[in-house]
C-alpha atoms as a PDB file:
ATOM      1  CA  LEU A   1     110.735 114.802 -10.220  1.00  0.00           C
ATOM      2  CA  SER A   2     110.314 118.282  -8.761  1.00  0.00           C
ATOM      3  CA  LEU A   3     107.908 121.196  -9.105  1.00  0.00           C
ATOM      4  CA  ALA A   4     108.683 124.901  -8.929  1.00  0.00           C
ATOM      5  CA  THR A   5     105.946 127.524  -8.918  1.00  0.00           C
ATOM      6  CA  GLY A   6     105.549 131.174  -8.070  1.00  0.00           C
ATOM      7  CA  LEU A   7     103.315 134.218  -8.159  1.00  0.00           C
ATOM      8  CA  VAL A   8     104.264 137.793  -9.037  1.00  0.00           C
ATOM      9  CA  LEU A   9     101.966 140.747  -8.345  1.00  0.00           C
ATOM     10  CA  THR A  10     102.898 144.112  -9.827  1.00  0.00           C
ATOM     11  CA  ARG A  11     101.373 147.576  -9.699  1.00  0.00           C
ATOM     12  CA  GLN A  12     102.892 150.327 -11.830  1.00  0.00           C
ATOM     13  CA  GLN A  13     101.978 153.970 -11.451  1.00  0.00           C
ATOM     14  CA  ALA A  14     103.291 157.044 -13.222  1.00  0.00           C
ATOM     15  CA  THR A  15     102.346 160.709 -13.194  1.00  0.00           C
ATOM     16  CA  ARG A  16     103.370 163.664 -15.302  1.00  0.00           C
ATOM     17  CA  GLU A  17     102.080 167.166 -14.715  1.00  0.00           C
ATOM     18  CA  ASN A  18     102.488 170.365 -16.638  1.00  0.00           C
ATOM     19  CA  GLY A  19     103.045 173.782 -15.105  1.00  0.00           C
ATOM     20  CA  ASP A  20      99.328 174.098 -14.336  1.00  0.00           C
ATOM     21  CA  GLY A  21      99.239 170.824 -12.386  1.00  0.00           C
ATOM     22  CA  GLU A  22      97.318 168.977 -15.120  1.00  0.00           C
ATOM     23  CA  ASP A  23      97.985 165.294 -15.794  1.00  0.00           C
ATOM     24  CA  THR A  24      99.497 165.050 -19.284  1.00  0.00           C
ATOM     25  CA  LEU A  25      99.917 161.259 -19.495  1.00  0.00           C
ATOM     26  CA  PRO A  26      97.837 159.932 -22.420  1.00  0.00           C
ATOM     27  CA  GLY A  27      95.901 156.762 -21.703  1.00  0.00           C
ATOM     28  CA  GLY A  28      96.398 156.720 -17.932  1.00  0.00           C
ATOM     29  CA  GLY A  29      99.452 156.013 -15.825  1.00  0.00           C
ATOM     30  CA  GLU A  30      98.446 152.901 -13.871  1.00  0.00           C
ATOM     31  CA  ARG A  31      98.672 149.166 -14.542  1.00  0.00           C
ATOM     32  CA  ASP A  32      98.192 146.022 -12.424  1.00  0.00           C
ATOM     33  CA  GLN A  33      99.599 142.647 -13.414  1.00  0.00           C
ATOM     34  CA  ALA A  34      99.400 139.174 -11.839  1.00  0.00           C
ATOM     35  CA  SER A  35     101.661 136.408 -13.147  1.00  0.00           C
ATOM     36  CA  ILE A  36     101.653 132.794 -12.022  1.00  0.00           C
ATOM     37  CA  TYR A  37     104.143 130.253 -13.332  1.00  0.00           C
ATOM     38  CA  ALA A  38     104.985 126.614 -12.771  1.00  0.00           C
ATOM     39  CA  GLU A  39     107.480 124.152 -14.191  1.00  0.00           C
ATOM     40  CA  VAL A  40     108.286 120.512 -13.579  1.00  0.00           C
ATOM     41  CA  LEU A  41     111.791 119.055 -13.701  1.00  0.00           C
ATOM     42  CA  TRP A  42     111.607 115.386 -14.656  1.00  0.00           C
ATOM     43  CA  ARG A  43     114.498 112.963 -15.209  1.00  0.00           C
ATOM     44  CA  PRO A  44     113.018 109.768 -16.665  1.00  0.00           C
ATOM     45  CA  ILE A  45     116.573 108.432 -17.079  1.00  0.00           C
ATOM     46  CA  GLU A  46     119.852 109.686 -15.692  1.00  0.00           C
ATOM     47  CA  GLN A  47     121.002 111.240 -18.978  1.00  0.00           C
ATOM     48  CA  LEU A  48     117.732 112.999 -19.905  1.00  0.00           C
ATOM     49  CA  THR A  49     116.150 116.042 -18.253  1.00  0.00           C
ATOM     50  CA  LEU A  50     112.743 117.401 -19.301  1.00  0.00           C
ATOM     51  CA  ILE A  51     111.313 120.724 -18.073  1.00  0.00           C
ATOM     52  CA  PRO A  52     107.759 121.515 -19.190  1.00  0.00           C
ATOM     53  CA  GLY A  53     106.218 124.693 -17.811  1.00  0.00           C
ATOM     54  CA  VAL A  54     103.601 127.389 -18.244  1.00  0.00           C
ATOM     55  CA  ARG A  55     103.125 131.043 -17.299  1.00  0.00           C
ATOM     56  CA  VAL A  56      99.801 132.881 -17.122  1.00  0.00           C
ATOM     57  CA  ASP A  57      99.620 136.688 -17.071  1.00  0.00           C
ATOM     58  CA  ALA A  58      96.524 138.728 -16.222  1.00  0.00           C
ATOM     59  CA  TYR A  59      96.594 142.502 -16.440  1.00  0.00           C
ATOM     60  CA  ALA A  60      94.390 145.579 -16.180  1.00  0.00           C
ATOM     61  CA  PRO A  61      93.466 147.796 -17.858  1.00  0.00           C
ATOM     62  CA  ALA A  62      93.011 145.624 -20.930  1.00  0.00           C
ATOM     63  CA  VAL A  63      95.234 146.233 -23.945  1.00  0.00           C
ATOM     64  CA  ASP A  64      94.017 145.624 -27.501  1.00  0.00           C
ATOM     65  CA  ASP A  65      90.829 143.974 -26.156  1.00  0.00           C
ATOM     66  CA  GLY A  66      92.869 141.456 -24.149  1.00  0.00           C
ATOM     67  CA  SER A  67      93.498 141.055 -20.428  1.00  0.00           C
ATOM     68  CA  ASN A  68      95.447 137.786 -20.146  1.00  0.00           C
ATOM     69  CA  ALA A  69      98.037 135.652 -21.894  1.00  0.00           C
ATOM     70  CA  ILE A  70      99.208 132.035 -21.590  1.00  0.00           C
ATOM     71  CA  GLY A  71     102.818 131.085 -22.312  1.00  0.00           C
ATOM     72  CA  PRO A  72     103.713 127.369 -22.390  1.00  0.00           C
ATOM     73  CA  LYS A  73     107.293 126.129 -22.719  1.00  0.00           C
ATOM     74  CA  ILE A  74     109.263 122.895 -22.912  1.00  0.00           C
ATOM     75  CA  ALA A  75     113.009 122.335 -22.526  1.00  0.00           C
ATOM     76  CA  ALA A  76     115.129 119.196 -22.710  1.00  0.00           C
ATOM     77  CA  ARG A  77     118.755 118.250 -22.078  1.00  0.00           C
ATOM     78  CA  LEU A  78     120.500 115.043 -23.070  1.00  0.00           C
ATOM     79  CA  ASP A  79     123.910 114.295 -21.514  1.00  0.00           C
ATOM     80  CA  LEU A  80     126.308 112.394 -23.765  1.00  0.00           C
ATOM     81  CA  PRO A  81     129.734 110.803 -23.233  1.00  0.00           C
ATOM     82  CA  VAL A  82     133.023 112.753 -23.192  1.00  0.00           C
ATOM     83  CA  GLY A  83     131.426 115.861 -21.666  1.00  0.00           C
ATOM     84  CA  PHE A  84     129.002 116.581 -24.531  1.00  0.00           C
ATOM     85  CA  ALA A  85     125.366 117.552 -24.027  1.00  0.00           C
ATOM     86  CA  LEU A  86     122.456 118.579 -26.256  1.00  0.00           C
ATOM     87  CA  ARG A  87     119.793 121.101 -25.254  1.00  0.00           C
ATOM     88  CA  ALA A  88     116.618 122.191 -27.017  1.00  0.00           C
ATOM     89  CA  SER A  89     113.680 124.370 -26.023  1.00  0.00           C
ATOM     90  CA  TYR A  90     110.469 125.920 -27.283  1.00  0.00           C
ATOM     91  CA  GLY A  91     108.461 128.665 -25.648  1.00  0.00           C
ATOM     92  CA  ARG A  92     105.693 131.141 -26.301  1.00  0.00           C
ATOM     93  CA  GLY A  93     106.476 134.650 -25.123  1.00  0.00           C
ATOM     94  CA  PHE A  94     104.430 137.688 -24.169  1.00  0.00           C
ATOM     95  CA  ARG A  95     105.462 141.232 -23.220  1.00  0.00           C
ATOM     96  CA  LEU A  96     103.377 144.240 -22.343  1.00  0.00           C
ATOM     97  CA  PRO A  97     104.713 147.565 -23.632  1.00  0.00           C
ATOM     98  CA  SER A  98     106.685 149.331 -20.921  1.00  0.00           C
ATOM     99  CA  PHE A  99     105.673 152.660 -19.423  1.00  0.00           C
ATOM    100  CA  GLU A 100     108.638 154.261 -21.191  1.00  0.00           C
ATOM    101  CA  GLU A 101     107.528 152.928 -24.581  1.00  0.00           C
ATOM    102  CA  ARG A 102     103.956 154.137 -23.961  1.00  0.00           C
ATOM    103  CA  LEU A 103     104.382 157.367 -22.015  1.00  0.00           C
ATOM    104  CA  LEU A 104     107.936 158.675 -22.381  1.00  0.00           C
ATOM    105  CA  ARG A 105     108.523 162.290 -23.359  1.00  0.00           C
ATOM    106  CA  PHE A 106     112.290 162.717 -23.647  1.00  0.00           C
ATOM    107  CA  ASP A 107     113.279 166.061 -25.121  1.00  0.00           C
ATOM    108  CA  HIS A 108     116.961 165.935 -25.983  1.00  0.00           C
ATOM    109  CA  SER A 109     116.838 168.700 -28.565  1.00  0.00           C
ATOM    110  CA  GLU A 110     120.323 169.912 -27.663  1.00  0.00           C
ATOM    111  CA  LEU A 111     121.681 166.583 -28.911  1.00  0.00           C
ATOM    112  CA  GLY A 112     119.432 166.613 -31.957  1.00  0.00           C
ATOM    113  CA  TYR A 113     116.468 164.341 -31.177  1.00  0.00           C
ATOM    114  CA  ILE A 114     113.239 163.866 -29.212  1.00  0.00           C
ATOM    115  CA  VAL A 115     111.739 160.529 -28.098  1.00  0.00           C
ATOM    116  CA  GLU A 116     107.941 160.337 -27.743  1.00  0.00           C
ATOM    117  CA  GLY A 117     106.067 157.314 -26.383  1.00  0.00           C
ATOM    118  CA  ASN A 118     103.102 155.693 -28.102  1.00  0.00           C
ATOM    119  CA  PRO A 119     100.133 155.013 -25.761  1.00  0.00           C
ATOM    120  CA  ASP A 120      98.417 152.801 -28.376  1.00  0.00           C
ATOM    121  CA  LEU A 121     101.069 150.059 -28.449  1.00  0.00           C
ATOM    122  CA  LYS A 122      99.895 146.433 -28.399  1.00  0.00           C
ATOM    123  CA  PRO A 123     101.623 143.645 -26.430  1.00  0.00           C
ATOM    124  CA  GLU A 124     104.336 141.608 -28.117  1.00  0.00           C
ATOM    125  CA  LYS A 125     103.742 137.893 -28.672  1.00  0.00           C
ATOM    126  CA  SER A 126     106.309 135.384 -29.869  1.00  0.00           C
ATOM    127  CA  HIS A 127     107.260 131.793 -30.566  1.00  0.00           C
ATOM    128  CA  GLY A 128     110.884 130.824 -30.003  1.00  0.00           C
ATOM    129  CA  VAL A 129     112.868 127.656 -30.594  1.00  0.00           C
ATOM    130  CA  ARG A 130     116.509 127.005 -29.675  1.00  0.00           C
ATOM    131  CA  GLY A 131     119.002 124.193 -30.061  1.00  0.00           C
ATOM    132  CA  GLU A 132     122.407 123.975 -28.412  1.00  0.00           C
ATOM    133  CA  VAL A 133     125.485 121.761 -28.265  1.00  0.00           C
ATOM    134  CA  LEU A 134     127.635 121.967 -25.127  1.00  0.00           C
ATOM    135  CA  TRP A 135     131.058 120.529 -24.478  1.00  0.00           C
ATOM    136  CA  LYS A 136     132.655 120.530 -21.033  1.00  0.00           C
ATOM    137  CA  LEU A 137     136.182 119.449 -21.789  1.00  0.00           C
ATOM    138  CA  TRP A 138     137.206 119.681 -18.125  1.00  0.00           C
ATOM    139  CA  PRO A 139     135.812 121.604 -15.123  1.00  0.00           C
ATOM    140  CA  GLU A 140     137.666 124.788 -16.109  1.00  0.00           C
ATOM    141  CA  ALA A 141     136.741 124.841 -19.791  1.00  0.00           C
ATOM    142  CA  GLU A 142     133.298 124.854 -21.401  1.00  0.00           C
ATOM    143  CA  LEU A 143     132.157 125.630 -24.948  1.00  0.00           C
ATOM    144  CA  SER A 144     128.629 125.960 -26.336  1.00  0.00           C
ATOM    145  CA  VAL A 145     127.127 126.685 -29.762  1.00  0.00           C
ATOM    146  CA  GLU A 146     123.460 127.638 -29.979  1.00  0.00           C
ATOM    147  CA  SER A 147     121.130 128.431 -32.867  1.00  0.00           C
ATOM    148  CA  TYR A 148     117.728 130.055 -32.527  1.00  0.00           C
ATOM    149  CA  LEU A 149     114.648 131.282 -34.358  1.00  0.00           C
ATOM    150  CA  ASN A 150     112.236 133.821 -32.866  1.00  0.00           C
ATOM    151  CA  MET A 151     108.944 134.636 -34.607  1.00  0.00           C
ATOM    152  CA  LEU A 152     107.285 137.757 -33.211  1.00  0.00           C
ATOM    153  CA  GLU A 153     103.851 139.304 -33.630  1.00  0.00           C
ATOM    154  CA  ASP A 154     103.289 143.005 -32.915  1.00  0.00           C
ATOM    155  CA  LEU A 155     106.999 143.507 -32.267  1.00  0.00           C
ATOM    156  CA  ILE A 156     107.617 146.872 -30.574  1.00  0.00           C
ATOM    157  CA  GLY A 157     110.281 148.771 -32.484  1.00  0.00           C
ATOM    158  CA  GLU A 158     111.625 152.239 -33.054  1.00  0.00           C
ATOM    159  CA  THR A 159     110.305 154.534 -35.750  1.00  0.00           C
ATOM    160  CA  SER A 160     110.825 158.118 -36.837  1.00  0.00           C
ATOM    161  CA  SER A 161     107.874 160.488 -37.048  1.00  0.00           C
ATOM    162  CA  ASP A 162     107.452 164.201 -37.676  1.00  0.00           C
ATOM    163  CA  SER A 163     109.901 166.822 -36.511  1.00  0.00           C
ATOM    164  CA  GLU A 164     109.401 169.594 -33.976  1.00  0.00           C
ATOM    165  CA  ASP A 165     110.999 172.899 -34.967  1.00  0.00           C
ATOM    166  CA  GLY A 166     113.414 170.977 -37.164  1.00  0.00           C
ATOM    167  CA  THR A 167     114.326 168.406 -34.467  1.00  0.00           C
ATOM    168  CA  PRO A 168     113.651 164.752 -35.441  1.00  0.00           C
ATOM    169  CA  VAL A 169     111.105 162.941 -33.259  1.00  0.00           C
ATOM    170  CA  PHE A 170     111.500 159.207 -32.673  1.00  0.00           C
ATOM    171  CA  SER A 171     108.739 156.985 -31.313  1.00  0.00           C
ATOM    172  CA  TYR A 172     107.633 153.338 -31.098  1.00  0.00           C
ATOM    173  CA  GLU A 173     105.315 151.249 -33.241  1.00  0.00           C
ATOM    174  CA  ASN A 174     104.074 147.672 -33.542  1.00  0.00           C
ATOM    175  CA  ARG A 175     105.312 145.616 -36.461  1.00  0.00           C
ATOM    176  CA  ALA A 176     102.734 142.989 -37.388  1.00  0.00           C
ATOM    177  CA  ARG A 177     105.259 140.195 -37.973  1.00  0.00           C
ATOM    178  CA  ALA A 178     109.021 139.878 -37.635  1.00  0.00           C
ATOM    179  CA  TYR A 179     111.576 137.167 -37.069  1.00  0.00           C
ATOM    180  CA  THR A 180     115.173 136.875 -35.970  1.00  0.00           C
ATOM    181  CA  SER A 181     117.583 133.971 -36.260  1.00  0.00           C
ATOM    182  CA  GLY A 182     121.206 133.558 -35.396  1.00  0.00           C
ATOM    183  CA  VAL A 183     124.026 131.661 -33.762  1.00  0.00           C
ATOM    184  CA  ASN A 184     125.541 132.248 -30.324  1.00  0.00           C
ATOM    185  CA  VAL A 185     128.959 130.890 -29.384  1.00  0.00           C
ATOM    186  CA  ARG A 186     130.165 131.019 -25.789  1.00  0.00           C
ATOM    187  CA  ALA A 187     133.354 129.868 -24.075  1.00  0.00           C
ATOM    188  CA  ALA A 188     134.122 129.878 -20.338  1.00  0.00           C
ATOM    189  CA  LEU A 189     137.683 129.317 -19.137  1.00  0.00           C
ATOM    190  CA  GLY A 190     139.017 129.136 -15.607  1.00  0.00           C
ATOM    191  CA  PRO A 191     139.493 129.917 -12.898  1.00  0.00           C
ATOM    192  CA  TRP A 192     143.164 129.128 -13.377  1.00  0.00           C
ATOM    193  CA  ALA A 193     145.406 130.633 -10.704  1.00  0.00           C
ATOM    194  CA  GLY A 194     142.624 133.105  -9.959  1.00  0.00           C
ATOM    195  CA  LEU A 195     142.055 134.118 -13.600  1.00  0.00           C
ATOM    196  CA  GLY A 196     138.731 133.519 -15.375  1.00  0.00           C
ATOM    197  CA  LEU A 197     137.547 134.444 -18.878  1.00  0.00           C
ATOM    198  CA  ASP A 198     134.113 134.394 -20.545  1.00  0.00           C
ATOM    199  CA  VAL A 199     133.791 135.129 -24.263  1.00  0.00           C
ATOM    200  CA  GLY A 200     130.599 135.350 -26.267  1.00  0.00           C
ATOM    201  CA  TYR A 201     130.102 135.899 -29.993  1.00  0.00           C
ATOM    202  CA  GLN A 202     126.712 136.466 -31.601  1.00  0.00           C
ATOM    203  CA  TYR A 203     126.069 136.204 -35.340  1.00  0.00           C
ATOM    204  CA  LEU A 204     122.698 137.531 -36.420  1.00  0.00           C
ATOM    205  CA  ILE A 205     121.661 135.662 -39.558  1.00  0.00           C
ATOM    206  CA  ASN A 206     118.298 137.379 -40.053  1.00  0.00           C
ATOM    207  CA  ALA A 207     116.410 140.271 -38.469  1.00  0.00           C
ATOM    208  CA  VAL A 208     113.451 140.791 -40.781  1.00  0.00           C
ATOM    209  CA  ASP A 209     110.264 142.827 -40.658  1.00  0.00           C
ATOM    210  CA  SER A 210     107.685 140.643 -42.442  1.00  0.00           C
ATOM    211  CA  SER A 211     104.720 142.969 -41.940  1.00  0.00           C
ATOM    212  CA  SER A 212     104.387 143.667 -45.672  1.00  0.00           C
ATOM    213  CA  CYS A 213     104.760 140.063 -46.840  1.00  0.00           C
ATOM    214  CA  PRO A 214     101.849 138.646 -48.883  1.00  0.00           C
ATOM    215  CA  SER A 215      99.161 136.582 -47.160  1.00  0.00           C
ATOM    216  CA  ASP A 216     100.233 133.361 -48.916  1.00  0.00           C
ATOM    217  CA  ASN A 217     103.778 133.725 -47.469  1.00  0.00           C
ATOM    218  CA  PRO A 218     103.352 135.921 -44.380  1.00  0.00           C
ATOM    219  CA  TRP A 219     106.705 135.250 -42.671  1.00  0.00           C
ATOM    220  CA  PHE A 220     109.607 134.324 -44.927  1.00  0.00           C
ATOM    221  CA  CYS A 221     109.041 136.319 -48.102  1.00  0.00           C
ATOM    222  CA  THR A 222     111.807 137.931 -50.157  1.00  0.00           C
ATOM    223  CA  PRO A 223     112.730 141.648 -50.219  1.00  0.00           C
ATOM    224  CA  GLU A 224     110.968 141.909 -53.580  1.00  0.00           C
ATOM    225  CA  GLU A 225     107.772 140.682 -51.889  1.00  0.00           C
ATOM    226  CA  GLY A 226     107.987 143.176 -49.017  1.00  0.00           C
ATOM    227  CA  ALA A 227     110.524 141.915 -46.435  1.00  0.00           C
ATOM    228  CA  VAL A 228     112.795 144.604 -44.946  1.00  0.00           C
ATOM    229  CA  SER A 229     115.552 144.564 -42.344  1.00  0.00           C
ATOM    230  CA  LEU A 230     114.760 145.432 -38.744  1.00  0.00           C
ATOM    231  CA  PRO A 231     116.746 148.575 -37.893  1.00  0.00           C
ATOM    232  CA  LEU A 232     119.734 148.840 -35.580  1.00  0.00           C
ATOM    233  CA  ARG A 233     120.480 145.106 -35.297  1.00  0.00           C
ATOM    234  CA  PRO A 234     124.216 144.348 -35.638  1.00  0.00           C
ATOM    235  CA  ALA A 235     125.200 141.313 -37.685  1.00  0.00           C
ATOM    236  CA  HIS A 236     128.158 140.644 -35.359  1.00  0.00           C
ATOM    237  CA  SER A 237     128.667 141.326 -31.676  1.00  0.00           C
ATOM    238  CA  LEU A 238     131.280 140.216 -29.173  1.00  0.00           C
ATOM    239  CA  ASP A 239     131.471 140.444 -25.401  1.00  0.00           C
ATOM    240  CA  VAL A 240     134.499 139.577 -23.279  1.00  0.00           C
ATOM    241  CA  ASN A 241     134.534 139.373 -19.485  1.00  0.00           C
ATOM    242  CA  ALA A 242     137.817 138.794 -17.663  1.00  0.00           C
ATOM    243  CA  ARG A 243     138.293 138.583 -13.906  1.00  0.00           C
ATOM    244  CA  PHE A 244     141.205 137.977 -11.555  1.00  0.00           C
ATOM    245  CA  ARG A 245     140.898 137.129  -7.868  1.00  0.00           C
ATOM    246  CA  VAL A 246     143.716 138.222  -5.573  1.00  0.00           C
ATOM    247  CA  GLU A 247     144.003 135.321  -3.177  1.00  0.00           C
ATOM    248  CA  ALA A 248     145.583 137.304  -0.343  1.00  0.00           C
ATOM    249  CA  THR A 249     142.773 139.874  -0.050  1.00  0.00           C
ATOM    250  CA  GLY A 250     139.845 138.250  -1.875  1.00  0.00           C
ATOM    251  CA  THR A 251     139.678 141.229  -4.244  1.00  0.00           C
ATOM    252  CA  VAL A 252     138.154 140.512  -7.660  1.00  0.00           C
ATOM    253  CA  ILE A 253     139.415 142.731 -10.499  1.00  0.00           C
ATOM    254  CA  PHE A 254     137.254 142.618 -13.621  1.00  0.00           C
ATOM    255  CA  LEU A 255     137.363 143.949 -17.165  1.00  0.00           C
ATOM    256  CA  ARG A 256     134.503 143.927 -19.677  1.00  0.00           C
ATOM    257  CA  GLY A 257     134.442 144.775 -23.359  1.00  0.00           C
ATOM    258  CA  ASP A 258     131.421 144.924 -25.686  1.00  0.00           C
ATOM    259  CA  TRP A 259     131.808 145.346 -29.454  1.00  0.00           C
ATOM    260  CA  MET A 260     129.150 145.448 -32.157  1.00  0.00           C
ATOM    261  CA  SER A 261     129.434 145.824 -35.898  1.00  0.00           C
ATOM    262  CA  GLU A 262     127.655 148.385 -38.065  1.00  0.00           C
ATOM    263  CA  ARG A 263     123.859 148.440 -37.736  1.00  0.00           C
ATOM    264  CA  PRO A 264     121.604 149.249 -40.706  1.00  0.00           C
ATOM    265  CA  LEU A 265     119.024 151.946 -40.034  1.00  0.00           C
ATOM    266  CA  ASP A 266     117.321 151.818 -43.439  1.00  0.00           C
ATOM    267  CA  ALA A 267     118.225 151.054 -47.034  1.00  0.00           C
ATOM    268  CA  VAL A 268     120.885 153.788 -47.133  1.00  0.00           C
ATOM    269  CA  SER A 269     121.801 154.784 -43.529  1.00  0.00           C
ATOM    270  CA  VAL A 270     124.091 152.765 -41.274  1.00  0.00           C
ATOM    271  CA  ALA A 271     124.977 153.277 -37.606  1.00  0.00           C
ATOM    272  CA  PRO A 272     128.729 152.876 -37.050  1.00  0.00           C
ATOM    273  CA  ALA A 273     130.377 150.068 -35.116  1.00  0.00           C
ATOM    274  CA  SER A 274     131.066 150.687 -31.441  1.00  0.00           C
ATOM    275  CA  PHE A 275     133.296 149.351 -28.677  1.00  0.00           C
ATOM    276  CA  VAL A 276     132.604 150.020 -24.984  1.00  0.00           C
ATOM    277  CA  THR A 277     134.768 148.871 -22.073  1.00  0.00           C
ATOM    278  CA  ALA A 278     134.390 148.798 -18.304  1.00  0.00           C
ATOM    279  CA  PHE A 279     136.888 148.202 -15.516  1.00  0.00           C
ATOM    280  CA  GLY A 280     136.475 147.770 -11.772  1.00  0.00           C
ATOM    281  CA  LEU A 281     136.979 145.741  -8.626  1.00  0.00           C
ATOM    282  CA  ARG A 282     134.806 143.953  -6.102  1.00  0.00           C
ATOM    283  CA  GLN A 283     135.874 143.569  -2.475  1.00  0.00           C
ATOM    284  CA  SER A 284     134.393 141.735   0.496  1.00  0.00           C
ATOM    285  CA  LEU A 285     133.999 144.295   3.303  1.00  0.00           C
ATOM    286  CA  PHE A 286     132.429 142.209   6.058  1.00  0.00           C
ATOM    287  CA  GLU A 287     130.695 138.874   6.266  1.00  0.00           C
ATOM    288  CA  HIS A 288     127.771 139.013   3.803  1.00  0.00           C
ATOM    289  CA  VAL A 289     128.700 142.556   2.675  1.00  0.00           C
ATOM    290  CA  GLU A 290     130.723 143.484  -0.424  1.00  0.00           C
ATOM    291  CA  GLY A 291     131.540 146.689  -2.247  1.00  0.00           C
ATOM    292  CA  THR A 292     132.047 147.377  -5.956  1.00  0.00           C
ATOM    293  CA  VAL A 293     133.750 150.267  -7.751  1.00  0.00           C
ATOM    294  CA  SER A 294     133.754 150.425 -11.551  1.00  0.00           C
ATOM    295  CA  VAL A 295     134.266 152.789 -14.458  1.00  0.00           C
ATOM    296  CA  ASP A 296     132.027 152.320 -17.494  1.00  0.00           C
ATOM    297  CA  ASN A 297     132.903 153.492 -21.026  1.00  0.00           C
ATOM    298  CA  VAL A 298     136.579 153.808 -20.121  1.00  0.00           C
ATOM    299  CA  PHE A 299     137.627 155.192 -23.523  1.00  0.00           C
ATOM    300  CA  ASP A 300     134.664 157.602 -23.762  1.00  0.00           C
ATOM    301  CA  ALA A 301     133.132 156.015 -26.884  1.00  0.00           C
ATOM    302  CA  TYR A 302     130.367 158.260 -28.239  1.00  0.00           C
ATOM    303  CA  HIS A 303     128.055 158.825 -31.165  1.00  0.00           C
ATOM    304  CA  PRO A 304     125.622 161.794 -31.100  1.00  0.00           C
ATOM    305  CA  ILE A 305     122.680 159.885 -32.606  1.00  0.00           C
ATOM    306  CA  TYR A 306     123.099 156.143 -32.231  1.00  0.00           C
ATOM    307  CA  GLY A 307     125.145 155.938 -29.036  1.00  0.00           C
ATOM    308  CA  PRO A 308     127.007 155.017 -26.953  1.00  0.00           C
ATOM    309  CA  LYS A 309     126.023 157.920 -24.720  1.00  0.00           C
ATOM    310  CA  PRO A 310     128.827 160.389 -24.010  1.00  0.00           C
ATOM    311  CA  GLY A 311     131.039 160.346 -20.951  1.00  0.00           C
ATOM    312  CA  ARG A 312     132.617 157.905 -18.573  1.00  0.00           C
ATOM    313  CA  ALA A 313     130.541 156.746 -15.632  1.00  0.00           C
ATOM    314  CA  LEU A 314     131.870 155.992 -12.140  1.00  0.00           C
ATOM    315  CA  MET A 315     129.721 153.582 -10.146  1.00  0.00           C
ATOM    316  CA  VAL A 316     130.092 152.720  -6.458  1.00  0.00           C
ATOM    317  CA  GLY A 317     127.874 150.078  -4.861  1.00  0.00           C
ATOM    318  CA  VAL A 318     127.466 148.091  -1.660  1.00  0.00           C
ATOM    319  CA  ARG A 319     125.618 144.757  -1.554  1.00  0.00           C
ATOM    320  CA  ALA A 320     124.402 142.893   1.521  1.00  0.00           C
ATOM    321  CA  PHE A 321     123.365 139.254   1.187  1.00  0.00           C
END
C-alpha cells in the first residue's frame, strides 16, 4: 500500500499590443491555476493492483461561472498465468481552454487561411473508460490490445467562420456533447542485438458530435436524428519507432514514421492521407549529458490546408540529467 500526492501551481500571462501600444487581447491575458492530486496503489493480493485517485483543480478568473473541478479515477490490473494481464480504468477529465485556443491571432493569409481564437470557450469535461489485454510472451516481446470510450461535454473543436478579404478564417467552438471510441494495438520487440521496434495501430470506430441529438437520446443517436462526424479524425493511424544501439560507442540511431488515413472535414470534403518520417541519433557526450540530432519530415510531406506543414526540420538538442 503506497500513496503518491502532489501540488501544481501555474500562472499564465500573455500580452498582445497593437502599433499604438494598446492591449488587444479580448477577455484578459492572465490565469492562475492550482491542482492537487493523490492516488493510492493497493495490492490486496499478489496478482491484483488497484489504483484509486482524485485530482482537484481551482482556477481564476472563473470560466462559465465555475472556478474548480474534481476528477476522480480508478484503475485496476489483474496478472494472469502465461504472461497475460488485464487492465481497466475509469476517469473523469477536465481541461481549461488553452491561451492559443482563446487568444490566438494567426494570420497566414499567404498560405490561404487565418486562425482566430475564441475568448468565450468553456472548459472541456469528460468521462472515459478503457479496457486492455496485455501479453508478455518473453522479456523482449510484448503485445497489448485496448478498447476505449470517451464521452465529452463542451468539447473544444475547430470551426470555420467568416472570411477576411476572401481568406477563410478558422476558429474554435464548444460542442455540447461528443464521443469517441476505438481500438489501440501496440507491440514492443527487442532489444535484440541492439535493435528495438515499437509499433502502434489505432482504429477509430466512432468520432461523433452528438450536440444535435434529441433530449431522449442525447449521446448515441443516428445521423438521421442529428449525429455528425467530428472533423479531421482519421479512421486509421499507424506509428512505427525503430532504434539501434551501437554497442561500441553507445550511439542510438532512431527512425520514426507516422501515417494516418483520410480525414473527413464535412459531408463532402476529405483531408488526404499523410505520412511523415523522422531520422536521427542520440549520443552520450559526458556522464549525465547527451546530445540529439534529428531531421523531421524527411520526405518533405506537405498539404497547403490540412498539413503536414512544409519543409524539413533539423533539430539539435543537449540534455543534462
